[in-house]
C-alpha atoms as a PDB file:
ATOM      1  CA  MET A   1      52.912   5.556 -26.202  1.00  0.00           C
ATOM      2  CA  SER A   2      56.642   5.496 -25.521  1.00  0.00           C
ATOM      3  CA  GLN A   3      55.969   4.340 -21.973  1.00  0.00           C
ATOM      4  CA  ALA A   4      54.486   1.104 -23.331  1.00  0.00           C
ATOM      5  CA  ARG A   5      57.240   0.262 -25.813  1.00  0.00           C
ATOM      6  CA  ARG A   6      60.197  -2.046 -25.701  1.00  0.00           C
ATOM      7  CA  GLY A   7      62.303  -1.532 -28.792  1.00  0.00           C
ATOM      8  CA  SER A   8      59.826  -1.647 -31.672  1.00  0.00           C
ATOM      9  CA  ALA A   9      57.339  -3.878 -29.831  1.00  0.00           C
ATOM     10  CA  ARG A  10      54.425  -2.444 -27.899  1.00  0.00           C
ATOM     11  CA  LEU A  11      52.701  -3.745 -24.822  1.00  0.00           C
ATOM     12  CA  ALA A  12      49.023  -4.540 -25.364  1.00  0.00           C
ATOM     13  CA  PHE A  13      46.211  -5.173 -22.884  1.00  0.00           C
ATOM     14  CA  GLY A  14      44.533  -8.575 -23.073  1.00  0.00           C
ATOM     15  CA  ALA A  15      40.936  -8.335 -21.928  1.00  0.00           C
ATOM     16  CA  ALA A  16      40.062 -11.978 -21.212  1.00  0.00           C
ATOM     17  CA  GLY A  17      40.545 -11.359 -17.491  1.00  0.00           C
ATOM     18  CA  ILE A  18      37.975  -8.568 -17.340  1.00  0.00           C
ATOM     19  CA  GLY A  19      35.540 -11.033 -18.884  1.00  0.00           C
ATOM     20  CA  ASN A  20      35.661 -12.919 -15.554  1.00  0.00           C
ATOM     21  CA  LEU A  21      38.225 -15.507 -16.632  1.00  0.00           C
ATOM     22  CA  TYR A  22      38.448 -17.884 -13.635  1.00  0.00           C
ATOM     23  CA  THR A  23      37.550 -15.075 -11.213  1.00  0.00           C
ATOM     24  CA  GLU A  24      34.515 -12.817 -10.909  1.00  0.00           C
ATOM     25  CA  LEU A  25      35.240  -9.079 -11.083  1.00  0.00           C
ATOM     26  CA  THR A  26      33.025  -6.085 -10.559  1.00  0.00           C
ATOM     27  CA  ASP A  27      32.531  -3.556 -13.338  1.00  0.00           C
ATOM     28  CA  GLN A  28      34.610  -1.110 -11.276  1.00  0.00           C
ATOM     29  CA  GLN A  29      37.522  -3.530 -10.940  1.00  0.00           C
ATOM     30  CA  ALA A  30      37.468  -4.122 -14.694  1.00  0.00           C
ATOM     31  CA  TYR A  31      37.380  -0.387 -15.363  1.00  0.00           C
ATOM     32  CA  ASP A  32      40.278   0.190 -12.965  1.00  0.00           C
ATOM     33  CA  ALA A  33      42.418  -2.402 -14.766  1.00  0.00           C
ATOM     34  CA  VAL A  34      41.876  -0.726 -18.139  1.00  0.00           C
ATOM     35  CA  ALA A  35      42.406   2.739 -16.639  1.00  0.00           C
ATOM     36  CA  ALA A  36      45.712   1.660 -15.074  1.00  0.00           C
ATOM     37  CA  ALA A  37      46.923   0.258 -18.390  1.00  0.00           C
ATOM     38  CA  TRP A  38      46.013   3.547 -20.051  1.00  0.00           C
ATOM     39  CA  ARG A  39      47.934   5.537 -17.424  1.00  0.00           C
ATOM     40  CA  GLN A  40      50.940   3.337 -18.134  1.00  0.00           C
ATOM     41  CA  GLY A  41      50.857   4.281 -21.804  1.00  0.00           C
ATOM     42  CA  VAL A  42      49.152   1.195 -23.215  1.00  0.00           C
ATOM     43  CA  ARG A  43      47.130   2.071 -26.309  1.00  0.00           C
ATOM     44  CA  HIS A  44      46.281  -1.286 -27.838  1.00  0.00           C
ATOM     45  CA  PHE A  45      43.528  -3.470 -26.406  1.00  0.00           C
ATOM     46  CA  ASP A  46      42.461  -6.978 -27.413  1.00  0.00           C
ATOM     47  CA  THR A  47      39.186  -8.737 -26.716  1.00  0.00           C
ATOM     48  CA  ALA A  48      36.795 -11.359 -28.158  1.00  0.00           C
ATOM     49  CA  PRO A  49      33.132 -12.430 -27.912  1.00  0.00           C
ATOM     50  CA  HIS A  50      34.397 -15.679 -26.372  1.00  0.00           C
ATOM     51  CA  TYR A  51      35.667 -13.837 -23.287  1.00  0.00           C
ATOM     52  CA  GLY A  52      32.846 -13.991 -20.785  1.00  0.00           C
ATOM     53  CA  LEU A  53      30.156 -14.388 -23.473  1.00  0.00           C
ATOM     54  CA  GLY A  54      30.559 -10.769 -24.524  1.00  0.00           C
ATOM     55  CA  LEU A  55      31.219  -9.344 -21.060  1.00  0.00           C
ATOM     56  CA  SER A  56      34.822  -8.459 -21.910  1.00  0.00           C
ATOM     57  CA  GLU A  57      33.756  -6.486 -24.976  1.00  0.00           C
ATOM     58  CA  ARG A  58      31.073  -4.590 -23.054  1.00  0.00           C
ATOM     59  CA  ARG A  59      33.420  -3.701 -20.213  1.00  0.00           C
ATOM     60  CA  LEU A  60      36.296  -2.747 -22.480  1.00  0.00           C
ATOM     61  CA  GLY A  61      34.081  -0.568 -24.652  1.00  0.00           C
ATOM     62  CA  ALA A  62      32.700   1.205 -21.593  1.00  0.00           C
ATOM     63  CA  ALA A  63      36.171   1.826 -20.139  1.00  0.00           C
ATOM     64  CA  LEU A  64      37.535   3.250 -23.389  1.00  0.00           C
ATOM     65  CA  ARG A  65      34.537   5.442 -24.123  1.00  0.00           C
ATOM     66  CA  GLU A  66      36.071   8.426 -22.341  1.00  0.00           C
ATOM     67  CA  HIS A  67      39.033   8.464 -24.730  1.00  0.00           C
ATOM     68  CA  PRO A  68      39.022   9.823 -28.296  1.00  0.00           C
ATOM     69  CA  ARG A  69      38.665   6.958 -30.754  1.00  0.00           C
ATOM     70  CA  PRO A  70      41.807   7.813 -32.758  1.00  0.00           C
ATOM     71  CA  SER A  71      43.937   7.664 -29.587  1.00  0.00           C
ATOM     72  CA  TYR A  72      43.918   3.851 -29.290  1.00  0.00           C
ATOM     73  CA  THR A  73      43.657   0.700 -31.373  1.00  0.00           C
ATOM     74  CA  LEU A  74      41.460  -2.278 -30.608  1.00  0.00           C
ATOM     75  CA  SER A  75      41.232  -5.841 -31.867  1.00  0.00           C
ATOM     76  CA  THR A  76      38.494  -8.423 -31.518  1.00  0.00           C
ATOM     77  CA  LYS A  77      37.845 -11.839 -33.005  1.00  0.00           C
ATOM     78  CA  VAL A  78      35.378 -13.806 -35.092  1.00  0.00           C
ATOM     79  CA  GLY A  79      34.605 -17.494 -35.464  1.00  0.00           C
ATOM     80  CA  ARG A  80      32.588 -18.062 -32.298  1.00  0.00           C
ATOM     81  CA  ARG A  81      29.121 -16.597 -32.806  1.00  0.00           C
ATOM     82  CA  LEU A  82      27.029 -16.030 -29.664  1.00  0.00           C
ATOM     83  CA  GLU A  83      23.428 -17.224 -29.660  1.00  0.00           C
ATOM     84  CA  PRO A  84      20.947 -16.694 -26.780  1.00  0.00           C
ATOM     85  CA  ALA A  85      20.618 -19.675 -24.466  1.00  0.00           C
ATOM     86  CA  TYR A  86      17.413 -19.877 -22.498  1.00  0.00           C
ATOM     87  CA  GLY A  87      18.206 -21.746 -19.344  1.00  0.00           C
ATOM     88  CA  THR A  88      20.207 -21.632 -16.146  1.00  0.00           C
ATOM     89  CA  GLY A  89      23.763 -22.449 -15.268  1.00  0.00           C
ATOM     90  CA  ASP A  90      27.157 -20.836 -15.702  1.00  0.00           C
ATOM     91  CA  ASP A  91      30.027 -20.747 -18.193  1.00  0.00           C
ATOM     92  CA  LEU A  92      32.667 -22.282 -15.939  1.00  0.00           C
ATOM     93  CA  ALA A  93      33.202 -25.139 -18.378  1.00  0.00           C
ATOM     94  CA  HIS A  94      34.785 -22.535 -20.646  1.00  0.00           C
ATOM     95  CA  GLY A  95      36.631 -20.855 -17.771  1.00  0.00           C
ATOM     96  CA  PHE A  96      34.420 -17.799 -17.300  1.00  0.00           C
ATOM     97  CA  VAL A  97      32.495 -16.939 -14.150  1.00  0.00           C
ATOM     98  CA  VAL A  98      29.384 -15.625 -15.906  1.00  0.00           C
ATOM     99  CA  PRO A  99      25.806 -16.853 -16.338  1.00  0.00           C
ATOM    100  CA  ALA A 100      25.349 -19.026 -19.415  1.00  0.00           C
ATOM    101  CA  THR A 101      23.085 -16.500 -21.128  1.00  0.00           C
ATOM    102  CA  HIS A 102      24.475 -17.434 -24.548  1.00  0.00           C
ATOM    103  CA  ARG A 103      26.059 -20.387 -26.265  1.00  0.00           C
ATOM    104  CA  ARG A 104      29.018 -20.319 -28.635  1.00  0.00           C
ATOM    105  CA  VAL A 105      28.525 -21.552 -32.189  1.00  0.00           C
ATOM    106  CA  TRP A 106      31.576 -22.170 -34.358  1.00  0.00           C
ATOM    107  CA  ASP A 107      30.926 -20.197 -37.537  1.00  0.00           C
ATOM    108  CA  PHE A 108      33.558 -19.171 -40.073  1.00  0.00           C
ATOM    109  CA  THR A 109      31.052 -18.531 -42.868  1.00  0.00           C
ATOM    110  CA  ALA A 110      30.988 -15.106 -44.488  1.00  0.00           C
ATOM    111  CA  ASP A 111      27.551 -14.394 -43.059  1.00  0.00           C
ATOM    112  CA  GLY A 112      28.550 -15.649 -39.611  1.00  0.00           C
ATOM    113  CA  ILE A 113      31.623 -13.454 -39.537  1.00  0.00           C
ATOM    114  CA  ARG A 114      29.681 -10.320 -40.446  1.00  0.00           C
ATOM    115  CA  ARG A 115      26.992 -11.093 -37.879  1.00  0.00           C
ATOM    116  CA  THR A 116      29.593 -11.791 -35.198  1.00  0.00           C
ATOM    117  CA  LEU A 117      31.479  -8.575 -35.925  1.00  0.00           C
ATOM    118  CA  ASP A 118      28.272  -6.510 -35.982  1.00  0.00           C
ATOM    119  CA  ALA A 119      27.364  -7.883 -32.537  1.00  0.00           C
ATOM    120  CA  SER A 120      30.868  -7.103 -31.251  1.00  0.00           C
ATOM    121  CA  LEU A 121      30.659  -3.520 -32.493  1.00  0.00           C
ATOM    122  CA  GLU A 122      27.345  -3.120 -30.697  1.00  0.00           C
ATOM    123  CA  ARG A 123      28.765  -4.440 -27.426  1.00  0.00           C
ATOM    124  CA  LEU A 124      31.865  -2.264 -27.776  1.00  0.00           C
ATOM    125  CA  GLY A 125      29.847   0.807 -28.734  1.00  0.00           C
ATOM    126  CA  LEU A 126      32.054   1.401 -31.782  1.00  0.00           C
ATOM    127  CA  ASP A 127      31.520   1.738 -35.519  1.00  0.00           C
ATOM    128  CA  HIS A 128      34.778  -0.001 -36.436  1.00  0.00           C
ATOM    129  CA  VAL A 129      37.683  -1.955 -34.987  1.00  0.00           C
ATOM    130  CA  ASP A 130      41.295  -1.759 -36.027  1.00  0.00           C
ATOM    131  CA  THR A 131      42.024  -5.485 -36.264  1.00  0.00           C
ATOM    132  CA  VAL A 132      39.893  -8.616 -36.554  1.00  0.00           C
ATOM    133  CA  TYR A 133      41.322 -12.095 -36.041  1.00  0.00           C
ATOM    134  CA  LEU A 134      39.873 -15.452 -37.031  1.00  0.00           C
ATOM    135  CA  HIS A 135      39.735 -17.006 -33.557  1.00  0.00           C
ATOM    136  CA  ASP A 136      41.100 -20.539 -33.063  1.00  0.00           C
ATOM    137  CA  PRO A 137      40.094 -22.061 -36.415  1.00  0.00           C
ATOM    138  CA  ASP A 138      42.089 -25.231 -35.598  1.00  0.00           C
ATOM    139  CA  ASP A 139      39.264 -27.679 -36.350  1.00  0.00           C
ATOM    140  CA  HIS A 140      37.665 -25.521 -39.043  1.00  0.00           C
ATOM    141  CA  ALA A 141      40.551 -24.947 -41.427  1.00  0.00           C
ATOM    142  CA  GLU A 142      38.663 -25.581 -44.662  1.00  0.00           C
ATOM    143  CA  GLN A 143      35.850 -23.170 -43.830  1.00  0.00           C
ATOM    144  CA  ALA A 144      38.232 -20.597 -42.377  1.00  0.00           C
ATOM    145  CA  PHE A 145      40.372 -20.452 -45.509  1.00  0.00           C
ATOM    146  CA  ARG A 146      37.547 -20.884 -48.028  1.00  0.00           C
ATOM    147  CA  GLU A 147      34.957 -18.556 -46.481  1.00  0.00           C
ATOM    148  CA  GLY A 148      36.239 -16.820 -43.362  1.00  0.00           C
ATOM    149  CA  TYR A 149      39.405 -15.303 -44.713  1.00  0.00           C
ATOM    150  CA  PRO A 150      37.800 -13.927 -47.934  1.00  0.00           C
ATOM    151  CA  ALA A 151      35.071 -12.378 -45.775  1.00  0.00           C
ATOM    152  CA  LEU A 152      37.718 -10.558 -43.753  1.00  0.00           C
ATOM    153  CA  GLU A 153      39.359  -9.356 -46.961  1.00  0.00           C
ATOM    154  CA  ARG A 154      36.041  -7.825 -48.030  1.00  0.00           C
ATOM    155  CA  LEU A 155      35.572  -6.159 -44.650  1.00  0.00           C
ATOM    156  CA  ARG A 156      39.052  -4.695 -44.924  1.00  0.00           C
ATOM    157  CA  SER A 157      38.415  -3.387 -48.429  1.00  0.00           C
ATOM    158  CA  GLU A 158      35.165  -1.802 -47.215  1.00  0.00           C
ATOM    159  CA  GLY A 159      37.002  -0.032 -44.381  1.00  0.00           C
ATOM    160  CA  VAL A 160      34.995  -1.792 -41.651  1.00  0.00           C
ATOM    161  CA  VAL A 161      38.273  -3.090 -40.224  1.00  0.00           C
ATOM    162  CA  GLY A 162      41.797  -1.815 -40.674  1.00  0.00           C
ATOM    163  CA  ALA A 163      43.781  -5.058 -40.453  1.00  0.00           C
ATOM    164  CA  ILE A 164      42.940  -8.756 -40.603  1.00  0.00           C
ATOM    165  CA  GLY A 165      44.588 -11.887 -39.304  1.00  0.00           C
ATOM    166  CA  ALA A 166      44.259 -15.061 -37.264  1.00  0.00           C
ATOM    167  CA  GLY A 167      44.845 -15.815 -33.599  1.00  0.00           C
ATOM    168  CA  MET A 168      45.764 -19.298 -32.398  1.00  0.00           C
ATOM    169  CA  ASN A 169      47.706 -21.365 -29.880  1.00  0.00           C
ATOM    170  CA  GLN A 170      49.623 -23.208 -32.616  1.00  0.00           C
ATOM    171  CA  THR A 171      52.137 -22.201 -35.262  1.00  0.00           C
ATOM    172  CA  ALA A 172      51.498 -24.530 -38.224  1.00  0.00           C
ATOM    173  CA  MET A 173      48.185 -23.020 -39.354  1.00  0.00           C
ATOM    174  CA  LEU A 174      49.318 -19.492 -38.536  1.00  0.00           C
ATOM    175  CA  THR A 175      52.310 -20.090 -40.799  1.00  0.00           C
ATOM    176  CA  ARG A 176      49.912 -21.200 -43.536  1.00  0.00           C
ATOM    177  CA  PHE A 177      47.968 -17.966 -43.114  1.00  0.00           C
ATOM    178  CA  VAL A 178      51.191 -15.975 -43.421  1.00  0.00           C
ATOM    179  CA  ARG A 179      52.391 -17.834 -46.519  1.00  0.00           C
ATOM    180  CA  ASP A 180      49.119 -18.403 -48.378  1.00  0.00           C
ATOM    181  CA  THR A 181      47.029 -15.304 -47.639  1.00  0.00           C
ATOM    182  CA  ASP A 182      47.389 -11.548 -47.354  1.00  0.00           C
ATOM    183  CA  VAL A 183      46.880 -11.275 -43.589  1.00  0.00           C
ATOM    184  CA  ASP A 184      48.332  -8.181 -41.956  1.00  0.00           C
ATOM    185  CA  VAL A 185      49.032  -9.718 -38.565  1.00  0.00           C
ATOM    186  CA  VAL A 186      48.859 -12.989 -36.645  1.00  0.00           C
ATOM    187  CA  LEU A 187      48.388 -13.479 -32.909  1.00  0.00           C
ATOM    188  CA  CYS A 188      50.417 -16.401 -31.590  1.00  0.00           C
ATOM    189  CA  ALA A 189      49.618 -17.418 -28.015  1.00  0.00           C
ATOM    190  CA  GLY A 190      52.018 -19.434 -25.890  1.00  0.00           C
ATOM    191  CA  ARG A 191      54.323 -20.637 -28.653  1.00  0.00           C
ATOM    192  CA  TYR A 192      57.072 -18.068 -28.244  1.00  0.00           C
ATOM    193  CA  THR A 193      58.049 -17.841 -24.607  1.00  0.00           C
ATOM    194  CA  LEU A 194      60.976 -18.664 -22.351  1.00  0.00           C
ATOM    195  CA  LEU A 195      59.493 -22.165 -22.060  1.00  0.00           C
ATOM    196  CA  ASP A 196      58.391 -22.757 -25.669  1.00  0.00           C
ATOM    197  CA  GLN A 197      60.185 -21.375 -28.719  1.00  0.00           C
ATOM    198  CA  SER A 198      58.407 -23.523 -31.322  1.00  0.00           C
ATOM    199  CA  ALA A 199      57.427 -20.424 -33.333  1.00  0.00           C
ATOM    200  CA  LEU A 200      61.111 -20.052 -34.232  1.00  0.00           C
ATOM    201  CA  THR A 201      60.940 -23.051 -36.547  1.00  0.00           C
ATOM    202  CA  ASP A 202      58.218 -21.867 -38.931  1.00  0.00           C
ATOM    203  CA  LEU A 203      56.033 -18.894 -38.045  1.00  0.00           C
ATOM    204  CA  LEU A 204      58.551 -16.217 -37.167  1.00  0.00           C
ATOM    205  CA  PRO A 205      60.868 -16.836 -40.150  1.00  0.00           C
ATOM    206  CA  ALA A 206      57.847 -16.828 -42.497  1.00  0.00           C
ATOM    207  CA  ALA A 207      56.535 -13.606 -40.970  1.00  0.00           C
ATOM    208  CA  ARG A 208      59.895 -11.894 -41.401  1.00  0.00           C
ATOM    209  CA  GLU A 209      60.077 -13.029 -45.012  1.00  0.00           C
ATOM    210  CA  ARG A 210      56.568 -11.806 -45.821  1.00  0.00           C
ATOM    211  CA  GLY A 211      56.661  -8.682 -43.665  1.00  0.00           C
ATOM    212  CA  THR A 212      53.698  -9.873 -41.596  1.00  0.00           C
ATOM    213  CA  ALA A 213      53.344  -8.486 -38.089  1.00  0.00           C
ATOM    214  CA  VAL A 214      53.301 -10.926 -35.179  1.00  0.00           C
ATOM    215  CA  VAL A 215      51.664 -10.254 -31.826  1.00  0.00           C
ATOM    216  CA  ILE A 216      52.748 -12.612 -29.058  1.00  0.00           C
ATOM    217  CA  GLY A 217      50.193 -13.631 -26.457  1.00  0.00           C
ATOM    218  CA  GLY A 218      50.617 -15.920 -23.477  1.00  0.00           C
ATOM    219  CA  ALA A 219      54.062 -14.604 -22.598  1.00  0.00           C
ATOM    220  CA  PHE A 220      53.697 -16.202 -19.167  1.00  0.00           C
ATOM    221  CA  ASN A 221      52.245 -19.454 -20.589  1.00  0.00           C
ATOM    222  CA  SER A 222      48.999 -18.732 -18.685  1.00  0.00           C
ATOM    223  CA  GLY A 223      50.714 -18.304 -15.323  1.00  0.00           C
ATOM    224  CA  LEU A 224      53.754 -20.486 -14.813  1.00  0.00           C
ATOM    225  CA  LEU A 225      56.268 -17.839 -15.916  1.00  0.00           C
ATOM    226  CA  ALA A 226      54.558 -15.174 -13.820  1.00  0.00           C
ATOM    227  CA  GLU A 227      54.837 -17.175 -10.592  1.00  0.00           C
ATOM    228  CA  PRO A 228      56.600 -20.544 -10.846  1.00  0.00           C
ATOM    229  CA  ARG A 229      55.292 -22.920  -8.193  1.00  0.00           C
ATOM    230  CA  ARG A 230      53.609 -26.259  -7.766  1.00  0.00           C
ATOM    231  CA  GLY A 231      49.998 -25.938  -8.875  1.00  0.00           C
ATOM    232  CA  ALA A 232      50.707 -23.130 -11.364  1.00  0.00           C
ATOM    233  CA  THR A 233      49.064 -23.347 -14.770  1.00  0.00           C
ATOM    234  CA  TYR A 234      50.763 -23.892 -18.114  1.00  0.00           C
ATOM    235  CA  ASP A 235      48.598 -23.482 -21.219  1.00  0.00           C
ATOM    236  CA  TYR A 236      45.509 -23.381 -18.981  1.00  0.00           C
ATOM    237  CA  ALA A 237      46.216 -26.734 -17.306  1.00  0.00           C
ATOM    238  CA  ALA A 238      48.259 -27.782 -14.303  1.00  0.00           C
ATOM    239  CA  ALA A 239      51.976 -27.553 -15.068  1.00  0.00           C
ATOM    240  CA  THR A 240      54.021 -30.739 -14.920  1.00  0.00           C
ATOM    241  CA  GLY A 241      56.775 -31.064 -12.361  1.00  0.00           C
ATOM    242  CA  GLU A 242      59.402 -30.866 -15.114  1.00  0.00           C
ATOM    243  CA  LEU A 243      57.989 -27.552 -16.388  1.00  0.00           C
ATOM    244  CA  VAL A 244      57.798 -26.129 -12.871  1.00  0.00           C
ATOM    245  CA  GLU A 245      61.417 -27.075 -12.260  1.00  0.00           C
ATOM    246  CA  ARG A 246      62.516 -25.428 -15.518  1.00  0.00           C
ATOM    247  CA  ALA A 247      60.581 -22.256 -14.685  1.00  0.00           C
ATOM    248  CA  LEU A 248      62.167 -22.151 -11.225  1.00  0.00           C
ATOM    249  CA  ARG A 249      65.614 -22.411 -12.820  1.00  0.00           C
ATOM    250  CA  LEU A 250      64.747 -19.507 -15.119  1.00  0.00           C
ATOM    251  CA  LYS A 251      63.552 -17.499 -12.121  1.00  0.00           C
ATOM    252  CA  ALA A 252      66.780 -18.179 -10.228  1.00  0.00           C
ATOM    253  CA  VAL A 253      68.872 -16.925 -13.156  1.00  0.00           C
ATOM    254  CA  ALA A 254      66.763 -13.772 -13.422  1.00  0.00           C
ATOM    255  CA  GLU A 255      67.118 -13.023  -9.714  1.00  0.00           C
ATOM    256  CA  ARG A 256      70.865 -13.660  -9.845  1.00  0.00           C
ATOM    257  CA  HIS A 257      71.075 -10.892 -12.416  1.00  0.00           C
ATOM    258  CA  GLY A 258      68.970  -8.466 -10.391  1.00  0.00           C
ATOM    259  CA  THR A 259      65.748  -8.685 -12.354  1.00  0.00           C
ATOM    260  CA  THR A 260      62.535 -10.735 -12.349  1.00  0.00           C
ATOM    261  CA  LEU A 261      61.357 -13.677 -14.394  1.00  0.00           C
ATOM    262  CA  ARG A 262      58.347 -11.626 -15.523  1.00  0.00           C
ATOM    263  CA  ALA A 263      60.613  -8.907 -16.912  1.00  0.00           C
ATOM    264  CA  ALA A 264      62.783 -11.457 -18.692  1.00  0.00           C
ATOM    265  CA  ALA A 265      59.767 -13.270 -20.122  1.00  0.00           C
ATOM    266  CA  LEU A 266      58.329 -10.074 -21.606  1.00  0.00           C
ATOM    267  CA  ALA A 267      61.690  -8.841 -22.887  1.00  0.00           C
ATOM    268  CA  PHE A 268      62.317 -12.156 -24.623  1.00  0.00           C
ATOM    269  CA  CYS A 269      58.998 -12.022 -26.489  1.00  0.00           C
ATOM    270  CA  ALA A 270      59.589  -8.414 -27.555  1.00  0.00           C
ATOM    271  CA  ALA A 271      63.102  -9.054 -28.844  1.00  0.00           C
ATOM    272  CA  HIS A 272      62.272 -10.967 -32.017  1.00  0.00           C
ATOM    273  CA  PRO A 273      62.339  -8.636 -35.037  1.00  0.00           C
ATOM    274  CA  ALA A 274      59.031  -9.980 -36.392  1.00  0.00           C
ATOM    275  CA  VAL A 275      57.203  -9.171 -33.147  1.00  0.00           C
ATOM    276  CA  THR A 276      55.328  -5.869 -33.072  1.00  0.00           C
ATOM    277  CA  GLY A 277      53.326  -6.388 -29.896  1.00  0.00           C
ATOM    278  CA  VAL A 278      53.238  -8.385 -26.668  1.00  0.00           C
ATOM    279  CA  LEU A 279      49.757  -9.044 -25.342  1.00  0.00           C
ATOM    280  CA  VAL A 280      49.412  -9.477 -21.568  1.00  0.00           C
ATOM    281  CA  GLY A 281      46.211 -10.037 -19.631  1.00  0.00           C
ATOM    282  CA  ALA A 282      45.426  -8.097 -16.471  1.00  0.00           C
ATOM    283  CA  ARG A 283      42.431  -8.322 -14.179  1.00  0.00           C
ATOM    284  CA  SER A 284      43.261  -5.515 -11.750  1.00  0.00           C
ATOM    285  CA  ALA A 285      44.935  -2.130 -11.652  1.00  0.00           C
ATOM    286  CA  ALA A 286      47.834  -3.659  -9.723  1.00  0.00           C
ATOM    287  CA  GLU A 287      48.386  -6.324 -12.384  1.00  0.00           C
ATOM    288  CA  ALA A 288      48.193  -3.761 -15.195  1.00  0.00           C
ATOM    289  CA  ASP A 289      50.739  -1.564 -13.424  1.00  0.00           C
ATOM    290  CA  ASP A 290      53.036  -4.510 -12.818  1.00  0.00           C
ATOM    291  CA  CYS A 291      52.867  -5.662 -16.447  1.00  0.00           C
ATOM    292  CA  ALA A 292      53.889  -2.224 -17.712  1.00  0.00           C
ATOM    293  CA  GLU A 293      56.644  -1.856 -15.126  1.00  0.00           C
ATOM    294  CA  GLN A 294      58.060  -5.295 -15.903  1.00  0.00           C
ATOM    295  CA  PHE A 295      57.856  -4.613 -19.635  1.00  0.00           C
ATOM    296  CA  ARG A 296      60.003  -1.504 -19.192  1.00  0.00           C
ATOM    297  CA  ALA A 297      62.429  -3.030 -16.692  1.00  0.00           C
ATOM    298  CA  PRO A 298      66.051  -3.438 -17.826  1.00  0.00           C
ATOM    299  CA  VAL A 299      67.261  -7.000 -18.306  1.00  0.00           C
ATOM    300  CA  PRO A 300      71.064  -7.423 -18.239  1.00  0.00           C
ATOM    301  CA  ALA A 301      72.735  -8.939 -21.297  1.00  0.00           C
ATOM    302  CA  ALA A 302      74.563 -11.347 -18.988  1.00  0.00           C
ATOM    303  CA  LEU A 303      71.256 -13.019 -18.170  1.00  0.00           C
ATOM    304  CA  TRP A 304      70.735 -14.082 -21.789  1.00  0.00           C
ATOM    305  CA  GLN A 305      74.299 -15.334 -21.977  1.00  0.00           C
ATOM    306  CA  GLU A 306      73.784 -17.539 -18.916  1.00  0.00           C
ATOM    307  CA  LEU A 307      70.469 -18.888 -20.232  1.00  0.00           C
ATOM    308  CA  ARG A 308      72.201 -19.940 -23.435  1.00  0.00           C
ATOM    309  CA  GLU A 309      75.224 -21.418 -21.683  1.00  0.00           C
ATOM    310  CA  THR A 310      73.034 -23.501 -19.386  1.00  0.00           C
ATOM    311  CA  GLY A 311      70.771 -24.723 -22.196  1.00  0.00           C
ATOM    312  CA  LEU A 312      67.727 -22.870 -20.872  1.00  0.00           C
ATOM    313  CA  LEU A 313      67.494 -20.865 -24.106  1.00  0.00           C
ATOM    314  CA  PRO A 314      68.405 -21.889 -27.674  1.00  0.00           C
ATOM    315  CA  ALA A 315      71.427 -20.190 -29.197  1.00  0.00           C
ATOM    316  CA  ASP A 316      69.416 -19.027 -32.224  1.00  0.00           C
ATOM    317  CA  ALA A 317      66.705 -17.206 -30.256  1.00  0.00           C
ATOM    318  CA  PRO A 318      67.069 -13.413 -30.631  1.00  0.00           C
ATOM    319  CA  VAL A 319      67.615 -11.571 -27.360  1.00  0.00           C
ATOM    320  CA  PRO A 320      67.251  -7.856 -26.591  1.00  0.00           C
ATOM    321  CA  ALA A 321      70.953  -6.990 -26.558  1.00  0.00           C
ATOM    322  CA  GLU A 322      71.267  -8.231 -30.143  1.00  0.00           C
ATOM    323  CA  ARG A 323      68.569  -5.924 -31.523  1.00  0.00           C
ATOM    324  CA  PRO A 324      69.620  -2.478 -32.779  1.00  0.00           C
ATOM    325  CA  GLY A 325      67.780   0.189 -30.844  1.00  0.00           C
ATOM    326  CA  GLN A 326      66.470  -2.220 -28.227  1.00  0.00           C
ATOM    327  CA  GLU A 327      66.112  -0.790 -24.758  1.00  0.00           C
ATOM    328  CA  PRO A 328      68.664  -2.098 -22.226  1.00  0.00           C
END
């Protein structure tokens, strides 16, 4: 596990890509990506029924089957229940290159959550998962808090799941979960990166106060911080020219200090004391290897100083050199 750590934060494998997000993969390519992450020391894996209409869960379960169950942790999500769809077509409207064999139904009811989790366990080939998140309840807040969250509490008390939480691309409702419920962990995607530190204003301080774990997803803001260029994506849409220019400036600073923007982006996410994990998607063995290598790569303290001096990073954002025990 030590190979996949940075300070107290761990690198986790995001399995949306092996659900054919944007690009079709073979089962072997998906297996190779998971196997490479495992070789690199990654032991936490995250998936969801939404990813490829269950394909991600099936592939991830198959790839992990050769490993003893206690040797890794796995999270999945509830809130989008899959129902059979009898017709033709594909799922490209949702970003996945798979046949539209099912349709997603928003369902944060207690019954819907249990049915969704049971179906996930069947696809994964497991009898339990370690963490379950309410998945993107943005437009379903009342039902999520009134029915969905209590259902997760019951599942936790029954031992069906080990930890419960919510995963979203915003901070306001995640902060409400942290303050008003007994969630163990929240997954915040895209709101704590080198380009967007909005989680600093509410979520991360609340999580520190309550002792709630935070997993950061979208460290590369869906692509722009991995490879800044015209046409790159930011939050799953084309990045504006202003964002591309800012990312290119960040990249230039990183290269001036002998490192990469990817390494700096991952190190920044891992440096906040509330963050226990950094979730990165990979769709190939090469990408999984690169993620782990960049996560471990040293990032000079002088880089953070320059980012602050040039206004590319707020002065109050924690950086690795300021954390006791943080790797260099």
